[in-house]
């Protein structure tokens, strides 16, 4: 059986750190907590789980802090979490099984990162991250903000999920770091350009976000998933300012980087639905329903686009065309995913009397 070091960086996490550590304390062989300047009870709470609490002066560089934490690990593999992450019971069992059976030739294990949930607890968005890495490989974190762990070698894609439970976040912190780096004249990598544009977009600095997304797309050495995501964000930007021609242009541009994704097929469906071009919208929504959701993709996945949403939108399109039978069929498919969704239940009540008559056509 392999041994595992848990390495974390924390600051002012008294409200969340106990839940995190309770979920993994019996799964790892040591816990290393690097504190970057807590002024609350974080250290007091953490001391109930480990005496390996190490202070680190915060220098606005997440990668440096994480590498510092990793440098103190002594076990075979390093596992990392943020303070508002945890493992649910099923994932705890899977983690223990992985620990007992992992082939030592594996260099890194990826795990799902479940980021958002609906009111019924279903995962609505997730991605993958390299979570468990071999200590002796000395893998390094890169990037002062929106850092990533650079790995290579034999990688295992596991079905374990880390659950994110965001409690608080300094929403301006990352933007300030990027803006200060820009003022100092630092050269931004393609990744920096992409994440700076994201921060600008999230702070509703739309025109500036467009500028930096375009700069990112002009590079050639970024990650393909980021290029695809940037196309989506640019489409959102142009939708916000009412330029639907450019919105459509950047949705289509995403196809330059990979085969069509369900998210972008649904974006096209929505664009044509809004323009009352229902048959064209149906084409794109149907295409979305026929795509297979990726399991090993490291990029962000919005699960609605790969499951119920295109069917619900097909229901709307067919209803607008008077094809109530097909509308009902797709609403029922959507209901299999979300049996209690108010809109889906409303559609069911509305459509059932309409399909009692002659056949309305096929789906």
Protein backbone atom coordinates (compact mmCIF):
# COMPACT_ATOMS: atom_id res chain seq x y z
CA UNK A 1 0.00 0.00 0.00
CA UNK A 2 1.24 3.48 -0.85
CA UNK A 3 1.61 6.21 1.77
CA UNK A 4 0.08 9.65 1.27
CA UNK A 5 0.90 13.16 2.45
CA UNK A 6 -1.93 15.70 2.45
CA UNK A 7 -0.51 19.15 1.65
CA UNK A 8 -2.64 22.28 1.94
CA UNK A 9 -2.20 26.04 1.97
CA UNK A 10 -4.70 27.98 4.08
CA UNK A 11 -5.57 31.41 5.36
CA UNK A 12 -8.51 32.32 7.62
CA UNK A 13 -10.37 29.04 7.06
CA UNK A 14 -11.81 28.43 10.53
CA UNK A 15 -15.32 27.92 9.09
CA UNK A 16 -14.41 25.21 6.58
CA UNK A 17 -11.13 23.49 7.46
CA UNK A 18 -12.61 21.03 10.00
CA UNK A 19 -15.09 19.60 7.47
CA UNK A 20 -12.27 19.19 4.99
CA UNK A 21 -9.88 17.45 7.38
CA UNK A 22 -12.60 15.27 8.93
CA UNK A 23 -13.27 13.84 5.48
CA UNK A 24 -9.66 12.73 4.87
CA UNK A 25 -7.86 12.48 8.21
CA UNK A 26 -8.01 8.67 8.28
CA UNK A 27 -7.09 8.28 4.61
CA UNK A 28 -3.68 9.95 4.66
CA UNK A 29 -0.47 9.23 6.55
CA UNK A 30 0.46 12.80 7.34
CA UNK A 31 -1.17 16.23 7.15
CA UNK A 32 0.93 19.29 6.31
CA UNK A 33 -0.76 22.67 6.62
CA UNK A 34 1.00 25.78 5.35
CA UNK A 35 -0.59 28.90 6.80
CA UNK A 36 -0.13 32.09 4.79
CA UNK A 37 -1.20 34.55 7.47
CA UNK A 38 -4.39 33.53 9.27
CA UNK A 39 -5.78 35.98 11.80
CA UNK A 40 -8.71 33.82 12.91
CA UNK A 41 -8.82 30.41 14.69
CA UNK A 42 -7.58 28.40 11.70
CA UNK A 43 -4.38 27.21 13.38
CA UNK A 44 -6.26 26.28 16.54
CA UNK A 45 -8.71 24.15 14.57
CA UNK A 46 -5.96 22.55 12.48
CA UNK A 47 -3.93 21.67 15.58
CA UNK A 48 -6.59 19.07 16.43
CA UNK A 49 -5.54 17.13 13.32
CA UNK A 50 -1.80 17.70 12.97
CA UNK A 51 1.22 19.38 14.49
CA UNK A 52 2.71 19.95 11.03
CA UNK A 53 1.58 23.59 10.79
CA UNK A 54 4.12 25.76 8.99
CA UNK A 55 4.01 29.52 8.50
CA UNK A 56 4.73 31.01 5.09
CA UNK A 57 4.87 34.69 4.28
CA UNK A 58 2.30 35.44 1.57
CA UNK A 59 3.90 36.98 -1.54
CA UNK A 60 0.88 36.95 -3.90
CA UNK A 61 2.07 33.71 -5.49
CA UNK A 62 -0.03 30.57 -5.07
CA UNK A 63 2.40 28.30 -6.93
CA UNK A 64 5.28 29.24 -4.63
CA UNK A 65 3.14 28.57 -1.56
CA UNK A 66 1.97 25.19 -2.87
CA UNK A 67 5.50 24.16 -3.85
CA UNK A 68 6.63 25.09 -0.33
CA UNK A 69 3.93 22.84 1.12
CA UNK A 70 4.86 19.98 -1.22
CA UNK A 71 8.52 20.30 -0.22
CA UNK A 72 7.65 19.17 3.33
CA UNK A 73 5.94 15.93 2.26
CA UNK A 74 7.64 12.70 3.31
CA UNK A 75 5.30 10.01 1.95
CA UNK A 76 5.19 8.19 -1.40
CA UNK A 77 2.45 10.36 -2.88
CA UNK A 78 1.15 13.88 -2.27
CA UNK A 79 -2.57 14.66 -2.15
CA UNK A 80 -3.72 18.28 -2.19
CA UNK A 81 -6.97 19.99 -1.29
CA UNK A 82 -8.26 23.49 -0.60
CA UNK A 83 -9.90 24.22 2.72
CA UNK A 84 -13.40 24.31 1.21
CA UNK A 85 -12.99 20.88 -0.42
CA UNK A 86 -14.00 17.52 1.02
CA UNK A 87 -14.55 13.88 0.11
CA UNK A 88 -18.06 12.46 0.41
CA UNK A 89 -18.47 8.98 1.90
CA UNK A 90 -18.52 7.10 -1.42
CA UNK A 91 -15.41 8.94 -2.54
CA UNK A 92 -13.69 8.21 0.77
CA UNK A 93 -14.23 4.50 0.11
CA UNK A 94 -12.91 4.86 -3.44
CA UNK A 95 -9.87 6.76 -2.19
CA UNK A 96 -9.06 4.04 0.33
CA UNK A 97 -9.42 1.38 -2.35
CA UNK A 98 -7.13 3.37 -4.64
CA UNK A 99 -4.56 3.71 -1.88
CA UNK A 100 -4.60 -0.04 -1.29
CA UNK A 101 -4.32 -1.02 -4.96
CA UNK A 102 -2.46 1.77 -6.77
CA UNK A 103 0.32 0.55 -9.01
CA UNK A 104 3.50 2.41 -7.89
CA UNK A 105 4.35 3.03 -11.53
CA UNK A 106 1.53 5.60 -11.69
CA UNK A 107 2.89 9.13 -11.58
CA UNK A 108 -0.35 11.06 -11.15
CA UNK A 109 -4.01 10.32 -10.43
CA UNK A 110 -6.69 12.68 -11.67
CA UNK A 111 -9.98 13.09 -9.83
CA UNK A 112 -13.23 14.81 -10.66
CA UNK A 113 -13.66 18.23 -9.08
CA UNK A 114 -17.38 18.82 -8.51
CA UNK A 115 -17.90 22.57 -8.42
CA UNK A 116 -21.63 23.25 -8.45
CA UNK A 117 -24.85 21.40 -7.65
CA UNK A 118 -28.58 21.79 -8.19
CA UNK A 119 -31.19 21.86 -5.45
CA UNK A 120 -31.29 18.04 -5.48
CA UNK A 121 -27.55 17.66 -5.04
CA UNK A 122 -26.87 16.66 -8.65
CA UNK A 123 -23.54 17.84 -10.03
CA UNK A 124 -24.04 20.66 -12.55
CA UNK A 125 -20.42 21.54 -13.34
CA UNK A 126 -17.13 19.73 -12.86
CA UNK A 127 -13.63 19.29 -14.21
CA UNK A 128 -10.63 17.04 -13.58
CA UNK A 129 -7.45 17.83 -11.70
CA UNK A 130 -4.23 16.01 -10.97
CA UNK A 131 -4.81 15.35 -7.27
CA UNK A 132 -2.47 12.58 -6.17
CA UNK A 133 1.11 12.77 -7.44
CA UNK A 134 4.29 10.83 -6.85
CA UNK A 135 6.57 12.64 -4.39
CA UNK A 136 9.88 11.60 -5.93
CA UNK A 137 8.95 13.15 -9.30
CA UNK A 138 9.11 16.58 -7.67
CA UNK A 139 6.23 17.91 -9.77
CA UNK A 140 5.99 21.71 -9.58
CA UNK A 141 3.15 24.17 -9.42
CA UNK A 142 3.27 26.92 -12.07
CA UNK A 143 1.73 30.38 -12.05
CA UNK A 144 1.26 32.91 -9.25
CA UNK A 145 -2.53 32.80 -9.62
CA UNK A 146 -4.84 30.17 -11.14
CA UNK A 147 -1.85 27.91 -10.66
CA UNK A 148 -1.59 24.47 -12.18
CA UNK A 149 0.40 21.36 -11.32
CA UNK A 150 2.74 20.36 -14.15
CA UNK A 151 2.81 16.57 -14.41
CA UNK A 152 3.96 13.94 -16.88
CA UNK A 153 4.39 10.19 -17.14
CA UNK A 154 1.77 7.54 -16.40
CA UNK A 155 -1.53 9.18 -15.47
CA UNK A 156 -4.56 7.34 -14.08
CA UNK A 157 -8.02 8.90 -14.51
CA UNK A 158 -9.94 7.77 -11.43
CA UNK A 159 -13.67 7.99 -10.67
CA UNK A 160 -13.02 9.65 -7.30
CA UNK A 161 -14.56 13.09 -6.85
CA UNK A 162 -13.48 15.97 -4.65
CA UNK A 163 -16.48 18.10 -3.65
CA UNK A 164 -16.10 21.87 -3.53
CA UNK A 165 -18.09 23.69 -0.83
CA UNK A 166 -17.28 27.34 -1.33
CA UNK A 167 -17.90 29.35 1.83
CA UNK A 168 -16.07 32.61 1.22
CA UNK A 169 -13.74 34.10 -1.34
CA UNK A 170 -11.94 37.38 -1.82
CA UNK A 171 -13.51 38.10 -5.18
CA UNK A 172 -11.07 40.93 -6.03
CA UNK A 173 -7.86 39.18 -4.94
CA UNK A 174 -6.94 37.49 -8.21
CA UNK A 175 -7.82 40.54 -10.28
CA UNK A 176 -5.58 42.70 -8.09
CA UNK A 177 -2.68 40.27 -8.51
CA UNK A 178 -2.99 40.33 -12.31
CA UNK A 179 -3.38 44.11 -12.47
CA UNK A 180 -0.32 44.64 -10.28
CA UNK A 181 1.71 42.27 -12.45
CA UNK A 182 0.56 44.18 -15.52
CA UNK A 183 1.61 47.50 -13.96
CA UNK A 184 5.05 46.07 -13.27
CA UNK A 185 5.38 45.27 -16.95
CA UNK A 186 5.51 41.50 -16.49
CA UNK A 187 5.22 39.33 -19.59
CA UNK A 188 1.97 37.38 -19.48
CA UNK A 189 1.95 33.76 -20.59
CA UNK A 190 -1.00 32.53 -22.69
CA UNK A 191 -2.46 31.07 -19.50
CA UNK A 192 -2.11 34.44 -17.76
CA UNK A 193 -3.90 36.18 -20.63
CA UNK A 194 -6.77 33.71 -20.45
CA UNK A 195 -7.26 33.87 -16.68
CA UNK A 196 -6.83 37.63 -16.54
CA UNK A 197 -9.57 37.89 -19.18
CA UNK A 198 -11.74 35.62 -17.01
CA UNK A 199 -11.24 37.90 -14.01
CA UNK A 200 -12.12 40.94 -16.11
CA UNK A 201 -15.24 39.21 -17.44
CA UNK A 202 -16.38 38.18 -13.96
CA UNK A 203 -15.95 41.78 -12.81
CA UNK A 204 -18.06 42.98 -15.76
CA UNK A 205 -15.15 44.78 -17.43
CA UNK A 206 -16.45 43.51 -20.73
CA UNK A 207 -14.46 45.54 -23.26
CA UNK A 208 -11.19 44.87 -21.44
CA UNK A 209 -12.08 41.19 -21.22
CA UNK A 210 -12.66 41.07 -24.98
CA UNK A 211 -9.24 42.62 -25.53
CA UNK A 212 -7.43 39.99 -23.47
CA UNK A 213 -9.45 37.03 -24.74
CA UNK A 214 -8.47 38.07 -28.27
CA UNK A 215 -4.85 38.37 -27.21
CA UNK A 216 -5.05 34.87 -25.79
CA UNK A 217 -6.61 33.43 -28.95
CA UNK A 218 -3.79 35.02 -30.95
CA UNK A 219 -1.26 32.82 -29.12
CA UNK A 220 -0.44 29.28 -30.20
CA UNK A 221 0.96 27.60 -27.09
CA UNK A 222 -2.05 27.62 -24.73
CA UNK A 223 -4.20 24.69 -23.65
CA UNK A 224 -6.87 23.70 -26.16
CA UNK A 225 -9.58 23.61 -23.46
CA UNK A 226 -8.78 27.22 -22.60
CA UNK A 227 -9.06 28.24 -26.26
CA UNK A 228 -12.48 26.59 -26.48
CA UNK A 229 -13.58 28.20 -23.22
CA UNK A 230 -12.34 31.61 -24.39
CA UNK A 231 -14.54 31.31 -27.48
CA UNK A 232 -17.50 30.75 -25.18
CA UNK A 233 -16.60 33.69 -22.98
CA UNK A 234 -16.17 35.95 -26.01
CA UNK A 235 -19.60 34.85 -27.21
CA UNK A 236 -20.96 35.81 -23.78
CA UNK A 237 -19.22 39.18 -23.98
CA UNK A 238 -20.70 40.00 -27.36
CA UNK A 239 -24.12 38.78 -26.26
CA UNK A 240 -23.88 41.16 -23.28
CA UNK A 241 -23.21 44.15 -25.53
CA UNK A 242 -25.81 43.04 -28.09
CA UNK A 243 -23.47 42.13 -30.95
CA UNK A 244 -25.05 38.84 -32.00
CA UNK A 245 -23.08 38.58 -35.23
CA UNK A 246 -19.79 38.39 -33.31
CA UNK A 247 -21.43 36.20 -30.68
CA UNK A 248 -22.23 33.68 -33.43
CA UNK A 249 -18.75 34.05 -34.92
CA UNK A 250 -17.01 33.02 -31.70
CA UNK A 251 -19.38 30.14 -31.00
CA UNK A 252 -18.46 28.75 -34.42
CA UNK A 253 -14.78 29.50 -33.86
CA UNK A 254 -14.75 26.94 -31.03
CA UNK A 255 -15.06 24.24 -33.71
CA UNK A 256 -11.59 25.14 -34.97
CA UNK A 257 -10.04 23.59 -31.86
CA UNK A 258 -11.94 20.32 -31.48
CA UNK A 259 -15.07 18.48 -32.54
CA UNK A 260 -18.30 20.22 -31.50
CA UNK A 261 -19.07 20.21 -27.79
CA UNK A 262 -22.63 20.01 -26.47
CA UNK A 263 -22.22 23.39 -24.80
CA UNK A 264 -21.57 25.12 -28.10
CA UNK A 265 -24.25 23.21 -30.00
CA UNK A 266 -26.72 24.44 -27.37
CA UNK A 267 -25.34 27.97 -27.69
CA UNK A 268 -26.08 27.84 -31.41
CA UNK A 269 -29.50 26.43 -30.70
CA UNK A 270 -30.21 29.29 -28.32
CA UNK A 271 -29.02 31.87 -30.83
CA UNK A 272 -31.35 30.56 -33.56
CA UNK A 273 -34.21 29.99 -31.13
CA UNK A 274 -34.03 33.63 -30.10
CA UNK A 275 -34.15 34.57 -33.78
CA UNK A 276 -37.26 32.37 -34.24
CA UNK A 277 -35.39 30.06 -36.63
CA UNK A 278 -36.79 26.97 -34.98
CA UNK A 279 -35.74 24.31 -37.49
CA UNK A 280 -32.13 25.46 -37.39
CA UNK A 281 -32.27 25.56 -33.59
CA UNK A 282 -33.63 21.99 -33.61
CA UNK A 283 -30.68 20.84 -35.71
CA UNK A 284 -28.14 22.10 -33.18
CA UNK A 285 -30.03 20.93 -30.10
CA UNK A 286 -30.45 17.47 -31.65
CA UNK A 287 -26.74 17.35 -32.38
CA UNK A 288 -26.08 18.10 -28.72
CA UNK A 289 -28.27 15.18 -27.62
CA UNK A 290 -26.28 12.78 -29.79
CA UNK A 291 -22.86 13.64 -28.39
CA UNK A 292 -21.18 11.47 -25.79
CA UNK A 293 -20.16 13.26 -22.62
CA UNK A 294 -16.39 13.01 -22.14
CA UNK A 295 -15.11 11.17 -19.07
CA UNK A 296 -11.38 11.87 -19.20
CA UNK A 297 -11.49 15.47 -20.39
CA UNK A 298 -9.68 17.80 -17.98
CA UNK A 299 -11.72 20.86 -18.99
CA UNK A 300 -14.83 22.28 -17.34
CA UNK A 301 -18.05 20.39 -18.11
CA UNK A 302 -21.49 21.90 -17.63
CA UNK A 303 -23.51 18.72 -17.31
CA UNK A 304 -26.86 20.30 -18.21
CA UNK A 305 -25.79 20.69 -21.83
CA UNK A 306 -24.96 16.98 -22.05
CA UNK A 307 -28.16 15.76 -20.40
CA UNK A 308 -31.50 17.52 -19.94
CA UNK A 309 -31.11 21.06 -21.31
CA UNK A 310 -31.10 20.36 -25.08
CA UNK A 311 -34.18 18.15 -24.66
CA UNK A 312 -36.01 20.88 -22.77
CA UNK A 313 -35.11 23.36 -25.51
CA UNK A 314 -36.22 20.91 -28.19
CA UNK A 315 -39.54 20.79 -26.38
CA UNK A 316 -39.78 24.58 -26.74
CA UNK A 317 -38.81 24.52 -30.44
CA UNK A 318 -41.27 21.79 -31.37
CA UNK A 319 -44.02 23.51 -29.42
CA UNK A 320 -43.41 26.72 -31.37
CA UNK A 321 -43.78 24.70 -34.60
CA UNK A 322 -47.00 23.10 -33.36
CA UNK A 323 -45.43 19.63 -33.17
CA UNK A 324 -46.76 18.85 -29.73
CA UNK A 325 -46.02 15.11 -29.85
CA UNK A 326 -42.31 15.69 -30.40
CA UNK A 327 -42.32 18.45 -27.80
CA UNK A 328 -43.81 16.00 -25.30
CA UNK A 329 -41.26 13.29 -26.14
CA UNK A 330 -38.30 15.58 -25.45
CA UNK A 331 -39.88 17.02 -22.32
CA UNK A 332 -40.25 13.48 -20.99
CA UNK A 333 -36.57 12.77 -21.71
CA UNK A 334 -35.65 15.93 -19.79
CA UNK A 335 -37.95 14.79 -16.95
CA UNK A 336 -35.91 11.60 -16.56
CA UNK A 337 -32.97 13.78 -15.52
CA UNK A 338 -34.95 16.34 -13.48
CA UNK A 339 -38.25 14.77 -12.39
CA UNK A 340 -39.25 17.70 -10.17
CA UNK A 341 -38.18 20.64 -12.34
CA UNK A 342 -41.04 23.21 -12.33
CA UNK A 343 -40.71 24.10 -16.03
CA UNK A 344 -40.64 20.46 -17.09
CA UNK A 345 -43.71 19.64 -14.97
CA UNK A 346 -45.49 22.70 -16.37
CA UNK A 347 -44.72 21.53 -19.91
CA UNK A 348 -46.06 18.09 -19.11
CA UNK A 349 -49.39 19.50 -17.88
CA UNK A 350 -49.61 21.84 -20.86
CA UNK A 351 -48.75 19.26 -23.54
CA UNK A 352 -50.70 16.21 -22.38
CA UNK A 353 -54.13 17.55 -23.47
CA UNK A 354 -52.66 18.61 -26.82
CA UNK A 355 -51.36 15.18 -27.80
CA UNK A 356 -54.64 13.37 -27.32
CA UNK A 357 -55.62 14.20 -30.91
CA UNK A 358 -54.05 13.14 -34.22
CA UNK A 359 -50.39 12.21 -34.41
CA UNK A 360 -48.28 15.36 -34.43
CA UNK A 361 -45.20 13.89 -36.07
CA UNK A 362 -42.00 12.19 -34.97
CA UNK A 363 -39.18 13.52 -32.83
